[in-house]
Amino acid sequence: MDVLLRAFREGRVRVMRRALNWLTGSWCMSPDAFIVAILDHLETGGRVFRKFEQTGARLLPDKYQASVWIREPDDDDDYDDGTVYVELIVTGTEVILICNAHEHEDRGRGLRLPF
């Protein structure tokens, strides 16, 4: 967590294409605002989980996932709780790559990450 917090606070964060497509295409949110939302999640004790490989139970080194609040607290125009799935990679130089982000609604299908 210290590495993640330090990198976000120092601005060593890059939003990769897949996540950027959601930000600019679907959510109309700037990368800077998204980075601030993730930093707020980290600073307020929001959970971050290690990521497992898809075909096994092995933890992937330096890969993390979280459900992050990105909407204004007053935004209640639908039932969604305002969280999105975010995948992070910590590089060897401690730069954070936000490699994936997408809406995290199950609507009865699939599984959500635990909060």
N, C-alpha and C. Protein backbone atom coordinates (compact mmCIF):
# COMPACT_ATOMS: atom_id res chain seq x y z
N MET A 1 0.82 -1.20 0.00
CA MET A 1 0.00 0.00 0.00
C MET A 1 0.87 1.26 0.00
N ASP A 2 1.99 1.22 0.70
CA ASP A 2 2.85 2.40 0.75
C ASP A 2 3.35 2.78 -0.65
N VAL A 3 3.70 1.77 -1.44
CA VAL A 3 4.19 2.04 -2.80
C VAL A 3 3.08 2.67 -3.63
N LEU A 4 1.86 2.13 -3.53
CA LEU A 4 0.73 2.69 -4.27
C LEU A 4 0.46 4.14 -3.86
N LEU A 5 0.36 4.37 -2.56
CA LEU A 5 0.08 5.73 -2.07
C LEU A 5 1.15 6.71 -2.50
N ARG A 6 2.40 6.35 -2.33
CA ARG A 6 3.49 7.24 -2.68
C ARG A 6 3.47 7.58 -4.18
N ALA A 7 3.26 6.56 -5.01
CA ALA A 7 3.24 6.79 -6.46
C ALA A 7 2.09 7.72 -6.86
N PHE A 8 0.90 7.50 -6.29
CA PHE A 8 -0.24 8.36 -6.62
C PHE A 8 0.01 9.78 -6.13
N ARG A 9 0.53 9.93 -4.92
CA ARG A 9 0.79 11.27 -4.38
C ARG A 9 1.84 12.02 -5.18
N GLU A 10 2.81 11.29 -5.71
CA GLU A 10 3.90 11.91 -6.46
C GLU A 10 3.61 12.03 -7.96
N GLY A 11 2.43 11.60 -8.38
CA GLY A 11 2.04 11.74 -9.77
C GLY A 11 2.68 10.74 -10.72
N ARG A 12 3.15 9.63 -10.19
CA ARG A 12 3.76 8.60 -11.03
C ARG A 12 2.71 7.56 -11.44
N VAL A 13 1.71 8.04 -12.18
CA VAL A 13 0.57 7.21 -12.58
C VAL A 13 0.30 7.44 -14.06
N ARG A 14 0.05 6.38 -14.79
CA ARG A 14 -0.28 6.45 -16.21
C ARG A 14 -1.58 5.70 -16.45
N VAL A 15 -2.50 6.32 -17.16
CA VAL A 15 -3.76 5.66 -17.53
C VAL A 15 -3.57 5.07 -18.92
N MET A 16 -3.70 3.76 -19.01
CA MET A 16 -3.49 3.06 -20.27
C MET A 16 -4.76 3.09 -21.12
N ARG A 17 -4.61 2.75 -22.38
CA ARG A 17 -5.68 2.89 -23.38
C ARG A 17 -7.02 2.28 -22.96
N ARG A 18 -7.02 1.05 -22.48
CA ARG A 18 -8.29 0.38 -22.15
C ARG A 18 -9.07 1.16 -21.09
N ALA A 19 -8.38 1.60 -20.05
CA ALA A 19 -9.02 2.40 -19.00
C ALA A 19 -9.40 3.77 -19.54
N LEU A 20 -8.52 4.36 -20.34
CA LEU A 20 -8.77 5.68 -20.90
C LEU A 20 -10.03 5.68 -21.77
N ASN A 21 -10.26 4.62 -22.50
CA ASN A 21 -11.47 4.52 -23.33
C ASN A 21 -12.73 4.61 -22.48
N TRP A 22 -12.76 3.97 -21.32
CA TRP A 22 -13.92 4.07 -20.43
C TRP A 22 -14.06 5.49 -19.91
N LEU A 23 -12.95 6.08 -19.49
CA LEU A 23 -12.99 7.43 -18.91
C LEU A 23 -13.55 8.45 -19.89
N THR A 24 -12.97 8.49 -21.06
CA THR A 24 -13.34 9.54 -22.00
C THR A 24 -14.58 9.18 -22.82
N GLY A 25 -14.79 7.90 -23.08
CA GLY A 25 -15.91 7.49 -23.92
C GLY A 25 -17.20 7.28 -23.18
N SER A 26 -17.16 6.58 -22.06
CA SER A 26 -18.40 6.23 -21.36
C SER A 26 -18.70 7.14 -20.18
N TRP A 27 -17.67 7.53 -19.44
CA TRP A 27 -17.91 8.25 -18.20
C TRP A 27 -17.70 9.76 -18.33
N CYS A 28 -17.14 10.23 -19.43
CA CYS A 28 -16.85 11.66 -19.60
C CYS A 28 -16.10 12.22 -18.39
N MET A 29 -15.07 11.52 -18.00
CA MET A 29 -14.27 11.89 -16.83
C MET A 29 -12.83 12.07 -17.26
N SER A 30 -12.17 13.05 -16.72
CA SER A 30 -10.78 13.28 -17.08
C SER A 30 -9.89 12.27 -16.36
N PRO A 31 -8.75 11.93 -16.95
CA PRO A 31 -7.81 11.05 -16.27
C PRO A 31 -7.37 11.61 -14.91
N ASP A 32 -7.19 12.92 -14.83
CA ASP A 32 -6.78 13.53 -13.55
C ASP A 32 -7.83 13.30 -12.46
N ALA A 33 -9.11 13.48 -12.81
CA ALA A 33 -10.18 13.26 -11.83
C ALA A 33 -10.24 11.80 -11.41
N PHE A 34 -10.00 10.89 -12.35
CA PHE A 34 -10.00 9.46 -12.05
C PHE A 34 -8.86 9.11 -11.10
N ILE A 35 -7.68 9.66 -11.36
CA ILE A 35 -6.53 9.42 -10.49
C ILE A 35 -6.80 9.95 -9.09
N VAL A 36 -7.43 11.11 -8.98
CA VAL A 36 -7.79 11.67 -7.67
C VAL A 36 -8.78 10.75 -6.95
N ALA A 37 -9.74 10.19 -7.68
CA ALA A 37 -10.71 9.27 -7.07
C ALA A 37 -10.03 8.03 -6.53
N ILE A 38 -9.07 7.50 -7.27
CA ILE A 38 -8.34 6.32 -6.80
C ILE A 38 -7.48 6.67 -5.58
N LEU A 39 -6.81 7.81 -5.62
CA LEU A 39 -6.01 8.25 -4.48
C LEU A 39 -6.89 8.42 -3.25
N ASP A 40 -8.06 9.02 -3.41
CA ASP A 40 -8.99 9.16 -2.29
C ASP A 40 -9.38 7.79 -1.73
N HIS A 41 -9.62 6.84 -2.61
CA HIS A 41 -9.94 5.46 -2.20
C HIS A 41 -8.81 4.89 -1.34
N LEU A 42 -7.58 5.08 -1.79
CA LEU A 42 -6.43 4.55 -1.05
C LEU A 42 -6.25 5.26 0.29
N GLU A 43 -6.38 6.59 0.28
CA GLU A 43 -6.13 7.37 1.51
C GLU A 43 -7.21 7.17 2.57
N THR A 44 -8.41 6.80 2.16
CA THR A 44 -9.49 6.61 3.13
C THR A 44 -9.65 5.15 3.54
N GLY A 45 -8.65 4.34 3.22
CA GLY A 45 -8.68 2.94 3.67
C GLY A 45 -9.47 2.00 2.79
N GLY A 46 -9.78 2.43 1.57
CA GLY A 46 -10.49 1.54 0.65
C GLY A 46 -9.66 0.30 0.37
N ARG A 47 -10.34 -0.79 0.15
CA ARG A 47 -9.66 -2.06 -0.05
C ARG A 47 -9.01 -2.16 -1.43
N VAL A 48 -7.87 -2.80 -1.44
CA VAL A 48 -7.16 -3.14 -2.66
C VAL A 48 -6.80 -4.61 -2.53
N PHE A 49 -7.00 -5.36 -3.60
CA PHE A 49 -6.77 -6.80 -3.58
C PHE A 49 -5.65 -7.17 -4.54
N ARG A 50 -4.91 -8.18 -4.18
CA ARG A 50 -3.93 -8.75 -5.10
C ARG A 50 -4.69 -9.47 -6.20
N LYS A 51 -4.15 -9.50 -7.38
CA LYS A 51 -4.80 -10.14 -8.52
C LYS A 51 -4.23 -11.54 -8.72
N PHE A 52 -5.12 -12.50 -8.97
CA PHE A 52 -4.73 -13.88 -9.25
C PHE A 52 -4.70 -14.11 -10.75
N GLU A 53 -3.88 -15.05 -11.19
CA GLU A 53 -3.89 -15.42 -12.60
C GLU A 53 -5.23 -16.06 -12.93
N GLN A 54 -5.69 -15.95 -14.16
CA GLN A 54 -7.01 -16.42 -14.55
C GLN A 54 -7.15 -17.93 -14.51
N THR A 55 -6.09 -18.65 -14.80
CA THR A 55 -6.19 -20.10 -14.91
C THR A 55 -5.71 -20.85 -13.68
N GLY A 56 -5.31 -20.15 -12.65
CA GLY A 56 -4.80 -20.82 -11.47
C GLY A 56 -4.98 -19.99 -10.23
N ALA A 57 -4.37 -20.46 -9.17
CA ALA A 57 -4.51 -19.78 -7.89
C ALA A 57 -3.26 -18.99 -7.52
N ARG A 58 -2.37 -18.79 -8.47
CA ARG A 58 -1.13 -18.09 -8.20
C ARG A 58 -1.36 -16.57 -8.24
N LEU A 59 -0.84 -15.88 -7.24
CA LEU A 59 -0.91 -14.42 -7.23
C LEU A 59 0.02 -13.86 -8.30
N LEU A 60 -0.46 -12.87 -9.01
CA LEU A 60 0.37 -12.21 -10.02
C LEU A 60 1.21 -11.13 -9.33
N PRO A 61 2.50 -11.12 -9.59
CA PRO A 61 3.34 -10.11 -8.93
C PRO A 61 3.01 -8.71 -9.43
N ASP A 62 2.87 -7.80 -8.50
CA ASP A 62 2.70 -6.37 -8.81
C ASP A 62 1.40 -6.03 -9.52
N LYS A 63 0.38 -6.88 -9.44
CA LYS A 63 -0.93 -6.57 -10.04
C LYS A 63 -1.99 -6.54 -8.95
N TYR A 64 -2.82 -5.48 -9.01
CA TYR A 64 -3.80 -5.23 -7.97
C TYR A 64 -5.14 -4.87 -8.59
N GLN A 65 -6.20 -5.00 -7.81
CA GLN A 65 -7.53 -4.62 -8.26
C GLN A 65 -8.29 -4.00 -7.10
N ALA A 66 -9.24 -3.14 -7.44
CA ALA A 66 -10.04 -2.47 -6.42
C ALA A 66 -11.37 -2.05 -7.02
N SER A 67 -12.34 -1.85 -6.15
CA SER A 67 -13.61 -1.23 -6.53
C SER A 67 -13.57 0.19 -6.00
N VAL A 68 -13.58 1.16 -6.90
CA VAL A 68 -13.34 2.55 -6.54
C VAL A 68 -14.56 3.40 -6.83
N TRP A 69 -14.90 4.29 -5.89
CA TRP A 69 -16.02 5.23 -6.04
C TRP A 69 -15.60 6.33 -6.99
N ILE A 70 -16.37 6.56 -8.06
CA ILE A 70 -15.99 7.63 -8.99
C ILE A 70 -17.08 8.69 -9.16
N ARG A 71 -18.21 8.51 -8.54
CA ARG A 71 -19.30 9.47 -8.74
C ARG A 71 -19.43 10.40 -7.55
N GLU A 72 -20.06 11.51 -7.80
CA GLU A 72 -20.35 12.44 -6.71
C GLU A 72 -21.28 11.76 -5.72
N PRO A 73 -21.10 12.00 -4.42
CA PRO A 73 -21.96 11.37 -3.41
C PRO A 73 -23.44 11.69 -3.61
N ASP A 74 -23.77 12.84 -4.21
CA ASP A 74 -25.17 13.21 -4.41
C ASP A 74 -25.78 12.57 -5.65
N ASP A 75 -24.99 11.88 -6.44
CA ASP A 75 -25.47 11.27 -7.67
C ASP A 75 -26.22 9.99 -7.36
N ASP A 76 -27.57 10.09 -7.37
CA ASP A 76 -28.37 8.90 -7.11
C ASP A 76 -29.41 8.72 -8.22
N ASP A 77 -29.02 9.03 -9.46
CA ASP A 77 -29.97 8.95 -10.57
C ASP A 77 -30.25 7.52 -11.02
N ASP A 78 -29.51 6.55 -10.51
CA ASP A 78 -29.84 5.15 -10.77
C ASP A 78 -29.42 4.34 -9.55
N TYR A 79 -29.64 3.03 -9.61
CA TYR A 79 -29.38 2.22 -8.43
C TYR A 79 -27.90 1.93 -8.22
N ASP A 80 -27.07 2.20 -9.21
CA ASP A 80 -25.65 1.89 -9.12
C ASP A 80 -25.02 2.60 -7.93
N ASP A 81 -24.12 1.91 -7.24
CA ASP A 81 -23.50 2.50 -6.06
C ASP A 81 -22.29 3.36 -6.39
N GLY A 82 -22.01 3.57 -7.67
CA GLY A 82 -20.94 4.48 -8.06
C GLY A 82 -19.55 3.90 -8.01
N THR A 83 -19.42 2.57 -7.99
CA THR A 83 -18.09 1.99 -7.96
C THR A 83 -17.75 1.39 -9.31
N VAL A 84 -16.47 1.40 -9.61
CA VAL A 84 -15.97 0.77 -10.83
C VAL A 84 -14.80 -0.13 -10.47
N TYR A 85 -14.59 -1.12 -11.29
CA TYR A 85 -13.46 -2.03 -11.15
C TYR A 85 -12.24 -1.38 -11.78
N VAL A 86 -11.12 -1.42 -11.06
CA VAL A 86 -9.88 -0.83 -11.54
C VAL A 86 -8.76 -1.85 -11.36
N GLU A 87 -7.93 -2.01 -12.39
CA GLU A 87 -6.75 -2.86 -12.31
C GLU A 87 -5.51 -1.99 -12.35
N LEU A 88 -4.57 -2.27 -11.45
CA LEU A 88 -3.34 -1.50 -11.35
C LEU A 88 -2.14 -2.42 -11.48
N ILE A 89 -1.10 -1.94 -12.13
CA ILE A 89 0.18 -2.65 -12.20
C ILE A 89 1.25 -1.72 -11.64
N VAL A 90 2.07 -2.25 -10.75
CA VAL A 90 3.20 -1.49 -10.22
C VAL A 90 4.43 -1.95 -10.99
N THR A 91 5.07 -1.02 -11.70
CA THR A 91 6.26 -1.37 -12.48
C THR A 91 7.49 -1.44 -11.57
N GLY A 92 8.57 -1.91 -12.13
CA GLY A 92 9.82 -2.00 -11.39
C GLY A 92 10.34 -0.65 -10.92
N THR A 93 9.95 0.42 -11.60
CA THR A 93 10.35 1.78 -11.20
C THR A 93 9.27 2.45 -10.35
N GLU A 94 8.32 1.66 -9.88
CA GLU A 94 7.23 2.12 -9.02
C GLU A 94 6.35 3.18 -9.67
N VAL A 95 6.16 3.05 -10.97
CA VAL A 95 5.14 3.82 -11.67
C VAL A 95 3.90 2.95 -11.68
N ILE A 96 2.74 3.55 -11.47
CA ILE A 96 1.48 2.81 -11.47
C ILE A 96 0.85 2.92 -12.84
N LEU A 97 0.53 1.79 -13.43
CA LEU A 97 -0.21 1.75 -14.69
C LEU A 97 -1.64 1.35 -14.38
N ILE A 98 -2.59 2.22 -14.74
CA ILE A 98 -4.00 1.87 -14.62
C ILE A 98 -4.34 1.20 -15.94
N CYS A 99 -4.36 -0.12 -15.93
CA CYS A 99 -4.42 -0.86 -17.19
C CYS A 99 -5.84 -1.25 -17.59
N ASN A 100 -6.78 -1.21 -16.67
CA ASN A 100 -8.16 -1.57 -17.00
C ASN A 100 -9.09 -0.90 -16.01
N ALA A 101 -10.26 -0.55 -16.48
CA ALA A 101 -11.31 -0.01 -15.63
C ALA A 101 -12.62 -0.25 -16.35
N HIS A 102 -13.63 -0.65 -15.63
CA HIS A 102 -14.95 -0.81 -16.23
C HIS A 102 -16.01 -0.79 -15.15
N GLU A 103 -17.25 -0.57 -15.58
CA GLU A 103 -18.35 -0.56 -14.62
C GLU A 103 -18.41 -1.91 -13.95
N HIS A 104 -18.81 -1.87 -12.70
CA HIS A 104 -18.74 -3.08 -11.90
C HIS A 104 -20.12 -3.45 -11.34
N GLU A 105 -21.08 -3.58 -12.24
CA GLU A 105 -22.43 -3.96 -11.86
C GLU A 105 -22.63 -5.42 -12.22
N ASP A 106 -23.28 -6.17 -11.31
CA ASP A 106 -23.50 -7.56 -11.66
C ASP A 106 -24.92 -7.80 -12.17
N ARG A 107 -25.89 -7.01 -11.73
CA ARG A 107 -27.28 -7.15 -12.17
C ARG A 107 -27.68 -8.62 -12.24
N GLY A 108 -27.20 -9.40 -11.27
CA GLY A 108 -27.57 -10.79 -11.19
C GLY A 108 -26.68 -11.70 -12.02
N ARG A 109 -25.70 -11.14 -12.73
CA ARG A 109 -24.80 -11.96 -13.55
C ARG A 109 -23.40 -11.81 -13.02
N GLY A 110 -22.68 -12.88 -12.96
CA GLY A 110 -21.27 -12.82 -12.57
C GLY A 110 -21.09 -12.51 -11.10
N LEU A 111 -19.85 -12.25 -10.74
CA LEU A 111 -19.49 -12.00 -9.34
C LEU A 111 -18.84 -10.64 -9.21
N ARG A 112 -19.15 -9.96 -8.13
CA ARG A 112 -18.49 -8.69 -7.81
C ARG A 112 -17.29 -8.96 -6.92
N LEU A 113 -16.37 -8.04 -6.92
CA LEU A 113 -15.27 -8.13 -5.97
C LEU A 113 -15.83 -7.87 -4.58
N PRO A 114 -15.26 -8.47 -3.55
CA PRO A 114 -15.72 -8.17 -2.19
C PRO A 114 -15.32 -6.77 -1.79
N PHE A 115 -16.13 -6.15 -0.96
CA PHE A 115 -15.81 -4.81 -0.46
C PHE A 115 -15.14 -4.91 0.88
